[in-house]
Every structure is written in C-alpha cells, then in structure tokens.
Amino acid sequence: MTSPADERRTVLAVVAHPDDAEFSCGATLAAWAQEGWEVTLVVCTDGSGGGPDDAIDVGSAERRRISNIRKVEQRAAGEVMGLKEVVFLDYPDGMLEPSLALRRDIVRQIRRTRAYRFVCQSPDRVWTPGYVIGRYHPDHLAAAQASLAAVYPAAQNGWDFPELLAEGLPPSRVKELFVVGAPHLNYAVDISTTFELKLAALRCHVSQLGTDQAELAELIRQWAIERGEPFGLPMAETFHRVEN
C-alpha cells in the first residue's frame, strides 16, 4: 500500500480489552510499526473482569488488582509490537455500552492522534459454524459500535462534541478503516514476517493465557495460514477495509 498523500503515518486501534488487539491484529500492527507508522492502541475497559471464571472474591480490591496486572501486561505487549503508546479509557470491564460518552472518548483519540488508519472490532454477530464465541462478547460489540460512530461522522464533524474544539482538538478525518472479524473480509495483510511478534506479545498476557502457550500458538498459526490462503498469502490477518 502506498504512503498516504497527506503524509500522516498514524494508526489508531480501538479494542474492548487487553489482549484483544494481539489476537485480532497484533501482527498487522507490528508490521505497520516496522514500516514507520506511529501506532496507538486504545483499550476501552479497565480489564478488571479478567479473573478466573469460578472466582468467589470479585470485590473492588480484587478487580483493581487484576486491572493493574492486565495493564502492565498490555503495555509490555505493546512494546513487543512496537506501538507508540497504549491508552486505557477505563470503562468497567463487562459493562461497556456504546454510549455517547464512549463515542466522545474515541473521537478525542482520533483527533489527538490525527489517525490516518483506524482499526476496530466488528459490531456484527456472525453465525458461521465454528466461529469463535469470544467474538460475541458484548464489550466487543459495544466498542465496535462506538468506534464506527466515532469514525464517521463525529471525528470529522466539528458540530459533533464541540467541547473537543475547546480542548484544542479540531476535526480529523480517518482515511482508511480496518474492521476485524467482519462478516465480509476484503483485505489481508501478510504477517509472515511479524507472526512471531504476535505470539511474543500474547506471551505477555500471562494472567489470561498462562505460561504454556504452545498449543494456543499452533492454533493461531493454523488460523493465520487459513486466512492467508484465499488471498494467496502464506499467513495473514484479515479485515473489511474501507476508504473514507
């Protein structure tokens, strides 16, 4: 892909939870970072719902502890991928909604970074057999809905959230939108040279994935190969891409 005509080389990726980016587009973000793009990752929630499913102690102190751990892990993974920064919006994990407040917070980040490329999760449930059930997570759907509304029209429209103008954040237009997990995939990124960085970033998320990730790594490798096949690539992460 050619360089943007206006010479912005900025990427903003918005996901619901720590480790969402690594699973969905980690190798792509790493590849773009290696190409000289400045990549910012925004995590909408605080990650505080990432404890064991059978947990009994789920009080505020324990949630803060888990949140702190996951933030450390996410920042470490960001360094592995070569990201410029990781931003946490700190909405409560498990209770994310596509509210106007969330939309405004994402618009703020688009305008602050002047993102040329924008990556987000899909707002669609897909009923294809074998589809990963984690994609149905309500936080994922909410983050995606708010993200798409932020990209268009709010980020490029000065009439939306005029309080951001007072913060010194004028309208900014996203030029390329990449949606992961969408029902229709029309674009693939060759990740054969950054696939190992994706796995290394996932290894940072010990609290969620443990220390022995060999089986997971092989599963992810197979997914990458399968996603690349329709596009003639050895390994790929796939998106629905739209130019704005």
Protein backbone atom coordinates (compact mmCIF):
# COMPACT_ATOMS: atom_id res chain seq x y z
CA MET A 1 0.00 0.00 0.00
CA THR A 2 1.32 3.42 -0.91
CA SER A 3 2.04 6.10 1.65
CA PRO A 4 -0.84 8.48 2.42
CA ALA A 5 -0.84 11.57 0.26
CA ASP A 6 -1.08 13.90 3.26
CA GLU A 7 1.92 12.14 4.85
CA ARG A 8 0.16 11.24 8.06
CA ARG A 9 1.54 7.88 9.16
CA THR A 10 -0.63 7.37 12.19
CA VAL A 11 -2.71 4.37 13.20
CA LEU A 12 -5.32 4.16 15.93
CA ALA A 13 -6.58 0.75 17.01
CA VAL A 14 -9.52 0.55 19.43
CA VAL A 15 -10.45 -2.66 21.24
CA ALA A 16 -12.50 -3.59 24.27
CA HIS A 17 -9.98 -5.46 26.45
CA PRO A 18 -6.29 -6.07 27.00
CA ASP A 19 -5.10 -8.85 24.61
CA ASP A 20 -7.92 -8.23 22.08
CA ALA A 21 -5.54 -6.47 19.71
CA GLU A 22 -2.92 -9.20 19.90
CA PHE A 23 -5.41 -11.92 18.99
CA SER A 24 -7.10 -9.99 16.19
CA CYS A 25 -4.48 -7.79 14.55
CA GLY A 26 -1.26 -7.90 16.57
CA ALA A 27 0.98 -8.96 13.69
CA THR A 28 -0.51 -6.28 11.43
CA LEU A 29 0.10 -3.54 13.99
CA ALA A 30 3.66 -4.79 14.42
CA ALA A 31 4.18 -4.79 10.63
CA TRP A 32 2.90 -1.24 10.30
CA ALA A 33 5.08 -0.12 13.20
CA GLN A 34 8.11 -1.61 11.45
CA GLU A 35 7.13 0.36 8.32
CA GLY A 36 7.35 3.59 10.32
CA TRP A 37 3.70 4.12 11.25
CA GLU A 38 3.02 5.54 14.71
CA VAL A 39 0.54 3.12 16.26
CA THR A 40 -1.64 3.99 19.24
CA LEU A 41 -3.72 1.30 20.92
CA VAL A 42 -6.82 2.34 22.85
CA VAL A 43 -8.32 -0.18 25.28
CA CYS A 44 -11.85 0.80 26.25
CA THR A 45 -12.19 -1.14 29.50
CA ASP A 46 -10.01 -1.43 32.58
CA GLY A 47 -9.60 -5.21 32.19
CA SER A 48 -10.89 -5.78 35.71
CA GLY A 49 -13.19 -8.65 34.71
CA GLY A 50 -10.34 -10.87 33.59
CA GLY A 51 -10.09 -13.08 36.66
CA PRO A 52 -10.95 -16.81 36.88
CA ASP A 53 -14.48 -17.71 35.82
CA ASP A 54 -15.07 -19.54 39.10
CA ALA A 55 -13.82 -16.69 41.29
CA ILE A 56 -15.64 -16.01 44.57
CA ASP A 57 -13.77 -12.85 45.61
CA VAL A 58 -14.83 -10.32 42.98
CA GLY A 59 -14.81 -7.22 45.19
CA SER A 60 -13.42 -3.85 44.19
CA ALA A 61 -9.96 -4.50 45.63
CA GLU A 62 -9.56 -7.71 43.62
CA ARG A 63 -10.84 -6.05 40.48
CA ARG A 64 -8.28 -3.25 40.91
CA ARG A 65 -5.53 -5.84 41.35
CA ILE A 66 -6.48 -7.67 38.17
CA SER A 67 -6.83 -4.40 36.27
CA ASN A 68 -3.34 -3.31 37.30
CA ILE A 69 -1.85 -6.65 36.25
CA ARG A 70 -3.53 -6.60 32.87
CA LYS A 71 -2.45 -3.02 32.18
CA VAL A 72 1.17 -3.95 32.88
CA GLU A 73 0.81 -6.95 30.57
CA GLN A 74 -0.78 -4.86 27.82
CA ARG A 75 1.92 -2.21 27.96
CA ALA A 76 4.58 -4.92 27.77
CA ALA A 77 2.82 -6.44 24.76
CA GLY A 78 2.66 -3.00 23.18
CA GLU A 79 6.43 -2.69 23.46
CA VAL A 80 6.84 -6.07 21.76
CA MET A 81 4.64 -4.94 18.87
CA GLY A 82 6.46 -1.61 18.61
CA LEU A 83 3.46 0.55 19.49
CA LYS A 84 3.92 4.23 20.23
CA GLU A 85 1.53 4.16 23.19
CA VAL A 86 -1.28 2.33 24.92
CA VAL A 87 -4.25 4.33 26.24
CA PHE A 88 -6.83 2.96 28.68
CA LEU A 89 -10.26 4.58 28.77
CA ASP A 90 -11.02 2.66 31.99
CA TYR A 91 -14.68 1.80 31.48
CA PRO A 92 -15.68 -1.09 33.79
CA ASP A 93 -14.88 -4.44 32.20
CA GLY A 94 -18.00 -6.39 31.34
CA MET A 95 -20.29 -3.36 31.38
CA LEU A 96 -19.24 -1.46 28.26
CA GLU A 97 -22.03 0.23 26.31
CA PRO A 98 -21.91 2.16 23.00
CA SER A 99 -22.71 5.38 24.82
CA LEU A 100 -22.19 8.95 23.68
CA ALA A 101 -19.51 9.26 26.35
CA LEU A 102 -17.55 6.36 24.88
CA ARG A 103 -18.01 7.72 21.36
CA ARG A 104 -16.68 11.11 22.50
CA ASP A 105 -13.66 9.48 24.16
CA ILE A 106 -12.81 7.64 20.93
CA VAL A 107 -13.31 10.79 18.87
CA ARG A 108 -10.92 12.54 21.23
CA GLN A 109 -8.25 9.93 20.49
CA ILE A 110 -8.84 10.10 16.72
CA ARG A 111 -8.43 13.87 16.75
CA ARG A 112 -5.50 13.78 19.17
CA THR A 113 -3.54 11.30 17.05
CA ARG A 114 -4.92 12.51 13.69
CA ALA A 115 -5.31 8.87 12.79
CA TYR A 116 -5.00 8.06 9.10
CA ARG A 117 -5.72 4.36 9.64
CA PHE A 118 -8.26 3.15 12.16
CA VAL A 119 -8.68 -0.45 13.31
CA CYS A 120 -11.61 -1.74 15.34
CA GLN A 121 -13.57 -4.86 16.14
CA SER A 122 -16.74 -5.83 14.28
CA PRO A 123 -20.19 -4.84 15.59
CA ASP A 124 -21.70 -7.90 13.88
CA ARG A 125 -22.54 -11.29 15.27
CA VAL A 126 -21.68 -13.99 12.75
CA TRP A 127 -23.45 -17.33 12.94
CA THR A 128 -20.99 -19.30 10.81
CA PRO A 129 -20.30 -22.76 12.32
CA GLY A 130 -17.07 -22.80 14.29
CA TYR A 131 -16.96 -19.04 14.73
CA VAL A 132 -15.04 -18.07 17.88
CA ILE A 133 -17.59 -17.47 20.65
CA GLY A 134 -15.44 -14.71 22.16
CA ARG A 135 -16.42 -12.52 19.21
CA TYR A 136 -19.93 -12.38 20.70
CA HIS A 137 -18.67 -10.61 23.83
CA PRO A 138 -20.96 -7.62 24.46
CA ASP A 139 -17.96 -5.43 25.26
CA HIS A 140 -16.50 -6.21 21.82
CA LEU A 141 -19.76 -5.30 20.11
CA ALA A 142 -20.12 -2.10 22.13
CA ALA A 143 -16.55 -0.98 21.43
CA ALA A 144 -17.11 -1.61 17.74
CA GLN A 145 -20.40 0.29 17.58
CA ALA A 146 -18.91 3.29 19.34
CA SER A 147 -15.80 3.15 17.17
CA LEU A 148 -17.66 3.20 13.87
CA ALA A 149 -19.86 6.07 15.04
CA ALA A 150 -16.74 7.94 16.11
CA VAL A 151 -15.00 7.47 12.77
CA TYR A 152 -17.99 8.73 10.83
CA PRO A 153 -19.23 11.31 11.14
CA ALA A 154 -18.20 12.51 14.58
CA ALA A 155 -14.40 12.70 14.28
CA GLN A 156 -14.52 14.75 11.08
CA ASN A 157 -17.51 16.90 12.04
CA GLY A 158 -16.90 19.97 14.16
CA TRP A 159 -20.57 20.05 15.13
CA ASP A 160 -20.22 16.77 17.00
CA PHE A 161 -18.81 17.20 20.51
CA PRO A 162 -17.95 20.91 20.26
CA GLU A 163 -16.37 20.64 23.71
CA LEU A 164 -13.46 18.89 21.98
CA LEU A 165 -12.83 22.06 19.98
CA ALA A 166 -12.34 23.82 23.30
CA GLU A 167 -9.71 21.17 24.12
CA GLY A 168 -7.79 22.20 21.00
CA LEU A 169 -8.88 19.14 19.01
CA PRO A 170 -10.22 20.16 15.58
CA PRO A 171 -11.99 17.69 13.28
CA SER A 172 -9.81 14.96 11.79
CA ARG A 173 -10.77 12.55 9.04
CA VAL A 174 -9.83 8.86 9.14
CA LYS A 175 -8.81 7.81 5.63
CA GLU A 176 -8.65 4.02 5.98
CA LEU A 177 -10.89 1.87 8.18
CA PHE A 178 -10.00 -1.73 9.01
CA VAL A 179 -12.63 -3.88 10.76
CA VAL A 180 -11.52 -7.23 12.19
CA GLY A 181 -13.90 -10.17 12.44
CA ALA A 182 -16.36 -8.65 9.96
CA PRO A 183 -18.80 -10.86 8.02
CA HIS A 184 -17.25 -9.74 4.71
CA LEU A 185 -13.47 -9.73 4.54
CA ASN A 186 -11.94 -7.96 1.55
CA TYR A 187 -8.38 -7.24 2.63
CA ALA A 188 -5.45 -9.21 4.04
CA VAL A 189 -2.07 -8.27 5.49
CA ASP A 190 0.86 -10.64 5.02
CA ILE A 191 2.06 -11.34 8.55
CA SER A 192 4.68 -13.97 7.78
CA THR A 193 7.49 -11.69 8.98
CA THR A 194 5.75 -10.46 12.14
CA PHE A 195 3.84 -13.56 13.21
CA GLU A 196 6.39 -14.40 15.90
CA LEU A 197 5.97 -10.90 17.34
CA LYS A 198 2.24 -11.60 17.63
CA LEU A 199 2.99 -14.75 19.64
CA ALA A 200 5.56 -12.91 21.77
CA ALA A 201 3.01 -10.20 22.54
CA LEU A 202 0.44 -12.81 23.54
CA ARG A 203 3.00 -14.37 25.89
CA CYS A 204 2.94 -11.11 27.86
CA HIS A 205 -0.67 -11.85 28.89
CA VAL A 206 0.20 -14.49 31.47
CA SER A 207 -2.76 -13.69 33.72
CA GLN A 208 -5.16 -14.69 30.94
CA LEU A 209 -3.26 -17.25 28.91
CA GLY A 210 -0.80 -18.84 31.36
CA THR A 211 2.85 -19.54 30.71
CA ASP A 212 2.49 -22.60 28.47
CA GLN A 213 1.01 -21.28 25.25
CA ALA A 214 2.41 -23.89 22.85
CA GLU A 215 -0.99 -25.34 21.94
CA LEU A 216 -2.50 -21.88 21.54
CA ALA A 217 0.39 -20.80 19.33
CA GLU A 218 -0.16 -23.71 16.95
CA LEU A 219 -3.87 -22.95 16.76
CA ILE A 220 -3.17 -19.30 15.96
CA ARG A 221 -0.57 -20.34 13.38
CA GLN A 222 -3.15 -22.53 11.64
CA TRP A 223 -5.68 -19.69 11.67
CA ALA A 224 -3.13 -17.37 10.07
CA ILE A 225 -2.37 -19.89 7.33
CA GLU A 226 -6.08 -20.47 6.63
CA ARG A 227 -6.79 -16.75 6.47
CA GLY A 228 -3.96 -16.22 4.03
CA GLU A 229 -4.99 -18.92 1.57
CA PRO A 230 -7.88 -17.04 -0.15
CA PHE A 231 -5.55 -14.08 -0.72
CA GLY A 232 -2.55 -16.09 -1.89
CA LEU A 233 -0.53 -15.24 1.21
CA PRO A 234 1.45 -17.64 3.43
CA MET A 235 -0.03 -16.16 6.62
CA ALA A 236 -2.47 -13.32 7.09
CA GLU A 237 -4.69 -11.24 9.31
CA THR A 238 -7.86 -10.26 7.51
CA PHE A 239 -10.11 -7.20 7.58
CA HIS A 240 -13.00 -5.43 5.97
CA ARG A 241 -11.24 -2.34 4.63
CA VAL A 242 -13.00 0.89 3.65
CA GLU A 243 -11.51 4.09 2.29
CA ASN A 244 -13.05 7.33 3.52
